[in-house]
Amino acid sequence: MLIALIFRVFLRKRLVAAAREQADKGIAGSMEGHAAMDMSVGGPGSFWRRLTSPRGYTAVSHIFVMEWAAIWKDTCGRNC
């Protein structure tokens, strides 16, 4: 409820129109390329075996770094 109220107070029509205009340009953001990456680890074996395989470690480490990069960017913005 609180977030909806804050949006209602601070999110003006001009800002929404500008956001839609930017979205319509189709320009990918700095983190959107990561969303297209396939981090699945297929193949034979149980989930645990695939997770602890070298490909599994690589996939988990990439996701870990990308998530922390997104959090860092969201919290610090351009100030860090």
PDB file of N, CA and C in Angstrom:
ATOM      1  N   MET A   1       0.813  -1.184   0.000  1.00  0.00           N
ATOM      2  CA  MET A   1       0.000   0.000   0.000  1.00  0.00           C
ATOM      3  C   MET A   1       0.866   1.260   0.000  1.00  0.00           C
ATOM      4  N   LEU A   2       1.916   1.213   0.805  1.00  0.00           N
ATOM      5  CA  LEU A   2       2.773   2.385   0.918  1.00  0.00           C
ATOM      6  C   LEU A   2       3.442   2.710  -0.423  1.00  0.00           C
ATOM      7  N   ILE A   3       3.935   1.693  -1.107  1.00  0.00           N
ATOM      8  CA  ILE A   3       4.590   1.928  -2.395  1.00  0.00           C
ATOM      9  C   ILE A   3       3.577   2.452  -3.411  1.00  0.00           C
ATOM     10  N   ALA A   4       2.377   1.908  -3.405  1.00  0.00           N
ATOM     11  CA  ALA A   4       1.340   2.398  -4.317  1.00  0.00           C
ATOM     12  C   ALA A   4       1.030   3.865  -4.031  1.00  0.00           C
ATOM     13  N   LEU A   5       0.981   4.233  -2.774  1.00  0.00           N
ATOM     14  CA  LEU A   5       0.733   5.627  -2.400  1.00  0.00           C
ATOM     15  C   LEU A   5       1.884   6.526  -2.831  1.00  0.00           C
ATOM     16  N   ILE A   6       3.097   6.072  -2.630  1.00  0.00           N
ATOM     17  CA  ILE A   6       4.268   6.853  -3.040  1.00  0.00           C
ATOM     18  C   ILE A   6       4.273   7.042  -4.555  1.00  0.00           C
ATOM     19  N   PHE A   7       3.970   5.959  -5.299  1.00  0.00           N
ATOM     20  CA  PHE A   7       3.885   6.079  -6.756  1.00  0.00           C
ATOM     21  C   PHE A   7       2.821   7.081  -7.158  1.00  0.00           C
ATOM     22  N   ARG A   8       1.686   7.043  -6.495  1.00  0.00           N
ATOM     23  CA  ARG A   8       0.586   7.947  -6.826  1.00  0.00           C
ATOM     24  C   ARG A   8       0.995   9.401  -6.596  1.00  0.00           C
ATOM     25  N   VAL A   9       1.785   9.643  -5.572  1.00  0.00           N
ATOM     26  CA  VAL A   9       2.189  11.008  -5.237  1.00  0.00           C
ATOM     27  C   VAL A   9       3.311  11.501  -6.151  1.00  0.00           C
ATOM     28  N   PHE A  10       4.318  10.660  -6.381  1.00  0.00           N
ATOM     29  CA  PHE A  10       5.516  11.129  -7.072  1.00  0.00           C
ATOM     30  C   PHE A  10       5.583  10.802  -8.564  1.00  0.00           C
ATOM     31  N   LEU A  11       4.841   9.830  -9.024  1.00  0.00           N
ATOM     32  CA  LEU A  11       4.908   9.414 -10.417  1.00  0.00           C
ATOM     33  C   LEU A  11       3.931  10.247 -11.237  1.00  0.00           C
ATOM     34  N   ARG A  12       4.441  11.241 -11.879  1.00  0.00           N
ATOM     35  CA  ARG A  12       3.617  12.166 -12.656  1.00  0.00           C
ATOM     36  C   ARG A  12       3.456  11.679 -14.090  1.00  0.00           C
ATOM     37  N   LYS A  13       2.423  12.157 -14.758  1.00  0.00           N
ATOM     38  CA  LYS A  13       2.137  11.756 -16.135  1.00  0.00           C
ATOM     39  C   LYS A  13       3.296  12.083 -17.066  1.00  0.00           C
ATOM     40  N   ARG A  14       3.960  13.202 -16.835  1.00  0.00           N
ATOM     41  CA  ARG A  14       5.100  13.587 -17.663  1.00  0.00           C
ATOM     42  C   ARG A  14       6.217  12.561 -17.553  1.00  0.00           C
ATOM     43  N   LEU A  15       6.478  12.084 -16.352  1.00  0.00           N
ATOM     44  CA  LEU A  15       7.517  11.090 -16.123  1.00  0.00           C
ATOM     45  C   LEU A  15       7.152   9.748 -16.769  1.00  0.00           C
ATOM     46  N   VAL A  16       5.892   9.353 -16.661  1.00  0.00           N
ATOM     47  CA  VAL A  16       5.435   8.109 -17.282  1.00  0.00           C
ATOM     48  C   VAL A  16       5.545   8.209 -18.798  1.00  0.00           C
ATOM     49  N   ALA A  17       5.168   9.355 -19.355  1.00  0.00           N
ATOM     50  CA  ALA A  17       5.257   9.556 -20.808  1.00  0.00           C
ATOM     51  C   ALA A  17       6.711   9.491 -21.270  1.00  0.00           C
ATOM     52  N   ALA A  18       7.610  10.081 -20.515  1.00  0.00           N
ATOM     53  CA  ALA A  18       9.034  10.036 -20.868  1.00  0.00           C
ATOM     54  C   ALA A  18       9.568   8.612 -20.786  1.00  0.00           C
ATOM     55  N   ALA A  19       9.131   7.845 -19.788  1.00  0.00           N
ATOM     56  CA  ALA A  19       9.566   6.457 -19.655  1.00  0.00           C
ATOM     57  C   ALA A  19       9.057   5.611 -20.817  1.00  0.00           C
ATOM     58  N   ARG A  20       7.805   5.834 -21.204  1.00  0.00           N
ATOM     59  CA  ARG A  20       7.255   5.089 -22.348  1.00  0.00           C
ATOM     60  C   ARG A  20       7.978   5.438 -23.637  1.00  0.00           C
ATOM     61  N   GLU A  21       8.298   6.697 -23.807  1.00  0.00           N
ATOM     62  CA  GLU A  21       9.022   7.121 -25.003  1.00  0.00           C
ATOM     63  C   GLU A  21      10.390   6.453 -25.063  1.00  0.00           C
ATOM     64  N   GLN A  22      11.068   6.397 -23.938  1.00  0.00           N
ATOM     65  CA  GLN A  22      12.381   5.753 -23.879  1.00  0.00           C
ATOM     66  C   GLN A  22      12.250   4.254 -24.151  1.00  0.00           C
ATOM     67  N   ALA A  23      11.238   3.620 -23.584  1.00  0.00           N
ATOM     68  CA  ALA A  23      11.037   2.183 -23.785  1.00  0.00           C
ATOM     69  C   ALA A  23      10.713   1.870 -25.242  1.00  0.00           C
ATOM     70  N   ASP A  24       9.995   2.754 -25.904  1.00  0.00           N
ATOM     71  CA  ASP A  24       9.625   2.542 -27.304  1.00  0.00           C
ATOM     72  C   ASP A  24      10.819   2.622 -28.244  1.00  0.00           C
ATOM     73  N   LYS A  25      11.921   3.208 -27.789  1.00  0.00           N
ATOM     74  CA  LYS A  25      13.120   3.286 -28.621  1.00  0.00           C
ATOM     75  C   LYS A  25      13.762   1.917 -28.809  1.00  0.00           C
ATOM     76  N   GLY A  26      13.478   0.993 -27.899  1.00  0.00           N
ATOM     77  CA  GLY A  26      14.004  -0.359 -28.022  1.00  0.00           C
ATOM     78  C   GLY A  26      15.472  -0.496 -27.687  1.00  0.00           C
ATOM     79  N   ILE A  27      16.032   0.464 -26.998  1.00  0.00           N
ATOM     80  CA  ILE A  27      17.442   0.418 -26.619  1.00  0.00           C
ATOM     81  C   ILE A  27      17.574  -0.418 -25.348  1.00  0.00           C
ATOM     82  N   ALA A  28      18.425  -1.423 -25.398  1.00  0.00           N
ATOM     83  CA  ALA A  28      18.622  -2.281 -24.235  1.00  0.00           C
ATOM     84  C   ALA A  28      19.357  -1.525 -23.144  1.00  0.00           C
ATOM     85  N   GLY A  29      18.957  -1.748 -21.918  1.00  0.00           N
ATOM     86  CA  GLY A  29      19.639  -1.152 -20.778  1.00  0.00           C
ATOM     87  C   GLY A  29      20.951  -1.872 -20.509  1.00  0.00           C
ATOM     88  N   SER A  30      21.675  -1.390 -19.540  1.00  0.00           N
ATOM     89  CA  SER A  30      22.997  -1.954 -19.276  1.00  0.00           C
ATOM     90  C   SER A  30      22.943  -3.377 -18.724  1.00  0.00           C
ATOM     91  N   MET A  31      21.837  -3.770 -18.107  1.00  0.00           N
ATOM     92  CA  MET A  31      21.749  -5.103 -17.518  1.00  0.00           C
ATOM     93  C   MET A  31      20.868  -6.049 -18.329  1.00  0.00           C
ATOM     94  N   GLU A  32      20.208  -5.563 -19.368  1.00  0.00           N
ATOM     95  CA  GLU A  32      19.261  -6.395 -20.096  1.00  0.00           C
ATOM     96  C   GLU A  32      19.917  -7.508 -20.895  1.00  0.00           C
ATOM     97  N   GLY A  33      21.131  -7.336 -21.307  1.00  0.00           N
ATOM     98  CA  GLY A  33      21.815  -8.383 -22.037  1.00  0.00           C
ATOM     99  C   GLY A  33      22.016  -9.630 -21.201  1.00  0.00           C
ATOM    100  N   HIS A  34      22.150  -9.449 -19.906  1.00  0.00           N
ATOM    101  CA  HIS A  34      22.344 -10.581 -19.010  1.00  0.00           C
ATOM    102  C   HIS A  34      21.081 -11.419 -18.901  1.00  0.00           C
ATOM    103  N   ALA A  35      19.933 -10.808 -19.039  1.00  0.00           N
ATOM    104  CA  ALA A  35      18.678 -11.545 -18.932  1.00  0.00           C
ATOM    105  C   ALA A  35      18.529 -12.536 -20.079  1.00  0.00           C
ATOM    106  N   ALA A  36      19.159 -12.269 -21.187  1.00  0.00           N
ATOM    107  CA  ALA A  36      19.057 -13.162 -22.341  1.00  0.00           C
ATOM    108  C   ALA A  36      20.027 -14.343 -22.251  1.00  0.00           C
ATOM    109  N   MET A  37      20.924 -14.308 -21.306  1.00  0.00           N
ATOM    110  CA  MET A  37      21.912 -15.380 -21.179  1.00  0.00           C
ATOM    111  C   MET A  37      21.255 -16.641 -20.622  1.00  0.00           C
ATOM    112  N   ASP A  38      21.610 -17.775 -21.174  1.00  0.00           N
ATOM    113  CA  ASP A  38      21.093 -19.054 -20.711  1.00  0.00           C
ATOM    114  C   ASP A  38      22.052 -19.609 -19.669  1.00  0.00           C
ATOM    115  N   MET A  39      21.624 -19.638 -18.432  1.00  0.00           N
ATOM    116  CA  MET A  39      22.466 -20.128 -17.348  1.00  0.00           C
ATOM    117  C   MET A  39      22.094 -21.549 -16.938  1.00  0.00           C
ATOM    118  N   SER A  40      21.253 -22.207 -17.715  1.00  0.00           N
ATOM    119  CA  SER A  40      20.852 -23.562 -17.362  1.00  0.00           C
ATOM    120  C   SER A  40      22.012 -24.524 -17.612  1.00  0.00           C
ATOM    121  N   VAL A  41      22.061 -25.548 -16.816  1.00  0.00           N
ATOM    122  CA  VAL A  41      23.080 -26.579 -16.950  1.00  0.00           C
ATOM    123  C   VAL A  41      22.341 -27.885 -17.182  1.00  0.00           C
ATOM    124  N   GLY A  42      22.227 -28.253 -18.435  1.00  0.00           N
ATOM    125  CA  GLY A  42      21.521 -29.479 -18.788  1.00  0.00           C
ATOM    126  C   GLY A  42      22.446 -30.667 -18.817  1.00  0.00           C
ATOM    127  N   GLY A  43      21.881 -31.775 -19.183  1.00  0.00           N
ATOM    128  CA  GLY A  43      22.678 -32.989 -19.318  1.00  0.00           C
ATOM    129  C   GLY A  43      22.213 -34.063 -18.365  1.00  0.00           C
ATOM    130  N   PRO A  44      22.895 -35.175 -18.420  1.00  0.00           N
ATOM    131  CA  PRO A  44      22.492 -36.299 -17.568  1.00  0.00           C
ATOM    132  C   PRO A  44      22.886 -36.060 -16.119  1.00  0.00           C
ATOM    133  N   GLY A  45      22.247 -36.804 -15.267  1.00  0.00           N
ATOM    134  CA  GLY A  45      22.589 -36.736 -13.852  1.00  0.00           C
ATOM    135  C   GLY A  45      21.567 -35.960 -13.048  1.00  0.00           C
ATOM    136  N   SER A  46      21.708 -36.063 -11.755  1.00  0.00           N
ATOM    137  CA  SER A  46      20.786 -35.388 -10.843  1.00  0.00           C
ATOM    138  C   SER A  46      21.066 -33.883 -10.817  1.00  0.00           C
ATOM    139  N   PHE A  47      20.155 -33.169 -10.224  1.00  0.00           N
ATOM    140  CA  PHE A  47      20.321 -31.719 -10.078  1.00  0.00           C
ATOM    141  C   PHE A  47      21.612 -31.424  -9.329  1.00  0.00           C
ATOM    142  N   TRP A  48      21.858 -32.129  -8.233  1.00  0.00           N
ATOM    143  CA  TRP A  48      23.048 -31.888  -7.414  1.00  0.00           C
ATOM    144  C   TRP A  48      24.326 -32.148  -8.211  1.00  0.00           C
ATOM    145  N   ARG A  49      24.334 -33.197  -9.032  1.00  0.00           N
ATOM    146  CA  ARG A  49      25.518 -33.520  -9.834  1.00  0.00           C
ATOM    147  C   ARG A  49      25.782 -32.428 -10.872  1.00  0.00           C
ATOM    148  N   ARG A  50      24.713 -31.931 -11.516  1.00  0.00           N
ATOM    149  CA  ARG A  50      24.873 -30.859 -12.492  1.00  0.00           C
ATOM    150  C   ARG A  50      25.292 -29.562 -11.819  1.00  0.00           C
ATOM    151  N   LEU A  51      24.750 -29.293 -10.623  1.00  0.00           N
ATOM    152  CA  LEU A  51      25.080 -28.070  -9.899  1.00  0.00           C
ATOM    153  C   LEU A  51      26.550 -28.040  -9.481  1.00  0.00           C
ATOM    154  N   THR A  52      27.081 -29.189  -9.081  1.00  0.00           N
ATOM    155  CA  THR A  52      28.463 -29.243  -8.603  1.00  0.00           C
ATOM    156  C   THR A  52      29.467 -29.543  -9.713  1.00  0.00           C
ATOM    157  N   SER A  53      28.991 -29.620 -10.944  1.00  0.00           N
ATOM    158  CA  SER A  53      29.902 -29.817 -12.074  1.00  0.00           C
ATOM    159  C   SER A  53      30.626 -28.508 -12.384  1.00  0.00           C
ATOM    160  N   PRO A  54      31.707 -28.540 -13.159  1.00  0.00           N
ATOM    161  CA  PRO A  54      32.386 -27.293 -13.528  1.00  0.00           C
ATOM    162  C   PRO A  54      31.458 -26.284 -14.223  1.00  0.00           C
ATOM    163  N   ARG A  55      30.587 -26.757 -15.114  1.00  0.00           N
ATOM    164  CA  ARG A  55      29.629 -25.851 -15.769  1.00  0.00           C
ATOM    165  C   ARG A  55      28.645 -25.270 -14.764  1.00  0.00           C
ATOM    166  N   GLY A  56      28.276 -26.089 -13.767  1.00  0.00           N
ATOM    167  CA  GLY A  56      27.365 -25.611 -12.728  1.00  0.00           C
ATOM    168  C   GLY A  56      27.996 -24.515 -11.885  1.00  0.00           C
ATOM    169  N   TYR A  57      29.238 -24.718 -11.488  1.00  0.00           N
ATOM    170  CA  TYR A  57      29.954 -23.692 -10.723  1.00  0.00           C
ATOM    171  C   TYR A  57      30.073 -22.394 -11.520  1.00  0.00           C
ATOM    172  N   THR A  58      30.360 -22.531 -12.802  1.00  0.00           N
ATOM    173  CA  THR A  58      30.487 -21.341 -13.654  1.00  0.00           C
ATOM    174  C   THR A  58      29.163 -20.605 -13.747  1.00  0.00           C
ATOM    175  N   ALA A  59      28.076 -21.335 -13.961  1.00  0.00           N
ATOM    176  CA  ALA A  59      26.758 -20.703 -14.075  1.00  0.00           C
ATOM    177  C   ALA A  59      26.372 -19.996 -12.779  1.00  0.00           C
ATOM    178  N   VAL A  60      26.587 -20.667 -11.651  1.00  0.00           N
ATOM    179  CA  VAL A  60      26.251 -20.059 -10.356  1.00  0.00           C
ATOM    180  C   VAL A  60      27.107 -18.826 -10.094  1.00  0.00           C
ATOM    181  N   SER A  61      28.388 -18.895 -10.423  1.00  0.00           N
ATOM    182  CA  SER A  61      29.256 -17.737 -10.179  1.00  0.00           C
ATOM    183  C   SER A  61      28.856 -16.557 -11.059  1.00  0.00           C
ATOM    184  N   HIS A  62      28.468 -16.816 -12.299  1.00  0.00           N
ATOM    185  CA  HIS A  62      28.034 -15.727 -13.178  1.00  0.00           C
ATOM    186  C   HIS A  62      26.761 -15.079 -12.651  1.00  0.00           C
ATOM    187  N   ILE A  63      25.811 -15.894 -12.225  1.00  0.00           N
ATOM    188  CA  ILE A  63      24.568 -15.345 -11.678  1.00  0.00           C
ATOM    189  C   ILE A  63      24.857 -14.542 -10.417  1.00  0.00           C
ATOM    190  N   PHE A  64      25.714 -15.057  -9.550  1.00  0.00           N
ATOM    191  CA  PHE A  64      26.076 -14.364  -8.313  1.00  0.00           C
ATOM    192  C   PHE A  64      26.650 -12.981  -8.609  1.00  0.00           C
ATOM    193  N   VAL A  65      27.602 -12.920  -9.523  1.00  0.00           N
ATOM    194  CA  VAL A  65      28.250 -11.648  -9.857  1.00  0.00           C
ATOM    195  C   VAL A  65      27.252 -10.691 -10.500  1.00  0.00           C
ATOM    196  N   MET A  66      26.408 -11.195 -11.402  1.00  0.00           N
ATOM    197  CA  MET A  66      25.426 -10.320 -12.060  1.00  0.00           C
ATOM    198  C   MET A  66      24.419  -9.755 -11.071  1.00  0.00           C
ATOM    199  N   GLU A  67      23.971 -10.587 -10.124  1.00  0.00           N
ATOM    200  CA  GLU A  67      23.009 -10.111  -9.126  1.00  0.00           C
ATOM    201  C   GLU A  67      23.631  -9.027  -8.246  1.00  0.00           C
ATOM    202  N   TRP A  68      24.862  -9.243  -7.800  1.00  0.00           N
ATOM    203  CA  TRP A  68      25.516  -8.235  -6.968  1.00  0.00           C
ATOM    204  C   TRP A  68      25.833  -6.962  -7.751  1.00  0.00           C
ATOM    205  N   ALA A  69      26.152  -7.105  -9.020  1.00  0.00           N
ATOM    206  CA  ALA A  69      26.385  -5.915  -9.849  1.00  0.00           C
ATOM    207  C   ALA A  69      25.097  -5.109  -9.985  1.00  0.00           C
ATOM    208  N   ALA A  70      23.979  -5.799 -10.140  1.00  0.00           N
ATOM    209  CA  ALA A  70      22.691  -5.108 -10.245  1.00  0.00           C
ATOM    210  C   ALA A  70      22.341  -4.413  -8.934  1.00  0.00           C
ATOM    211  N   ILE A  71      22.568  -5.097  -7.816  1.00  0.00           N
ATOM    212  CA  ILE A  71      22.291  -4.490  -6.508  1.00  0.00           C
ATOM    213  C   ILE A  71      23.187  -3.282  -6.291  1.00  0.00           C
ATOM    214  N   TRP A  72      24.461  -3.409  -6.620  1.00  0.00           N
ATOM    215  CA  TRP A  72      25.407  -2.299  -6.459  1.00  0.00           C
ATOM    216  C   TRP A  72      24.959  -1.103  -7.283  1.00  0.00           C
ATOM    217  N   LYS A  73      24.577  -1.360  -8.521  1.00  0.00           N
ATOM    218  CA  LYS A  73      24.162  -0.284  -9.406  1.00  0.00           C
ATOM    219  C   LYS A  73      22.879   0.379  -8.902  1.00  0.00           C
ATOM    220  N   ASP A  74      21.946  -0.437  -8.404  1.00  0.00           N
ATOM    221  CA  ASP A  74      20.686   0.106  -7.892  1.00  0.00           C
ATOM    222  C   ASP A  74      20.883   0.941  -6.637  1.00  0.00           C
ATOM    223  N   THR A  75      21.788   0.530  -5.767  1.00  0.00           N
ATOM    224  CA  THR A  75      21.958   1.253  -4.507  1.00  0.00           C
ATOM    225  C   THR A  75      22.890   2.436  -4.619  1.00  0.00           C
ATOM    226  N   CYS A  76      23.908   2.323  -5.446  1.00  0.00           N
ATOM    227  CA  CYS A  76      24.892   3.404  -5.534  1.00  0.00           C
ATOM    228  C   CYS A  76      24.649   4.334  -6.729  1.00  0.00           C
ATOM    229  N   GLY A  77      24.060   3.812  -7.760  1.00  0.00           N
ATOM    230  CA  GLY A  77      23.854   4.646  -8.952  1.00  0.00           C
ATOM    231  C   GLY A  77      25.176   5.069  -9.539  1.00  0.00           C
ATOM    232  N   ARG A  78      25.287   6.310  -9.913  1.00  0.00           N
ATOM    233  CA  ARG A  78      26.523   6.812 -10.510  1.00  0.00           C
ATOM    234  C   ARG A  78      27.466   7.386  -9.470  1.00  0.00           C
ATOM    235  N   ASN A  79      27.072   7.359  -8.213  1.00  0.00           N
ATOM    236  CA  ASN A  79      27.880   7.971  -7.164  1.00  0.00           C
ATOM    237  C   ASN A  79      29.012   7.084  -6.688  1.00  0.00           C
ATOM    238  N   CYS A  80      29.019   5.812  -7.042  1.00  0.00           N
ATOM    239  CA  CYS A  80      30.061   4.893  -6.545  1.00  0.00           C
ATOM    240  C   CYS A  80      31.159   4.690  -7.553  1.00  0.00           C
TER     241      CYS A  80
END
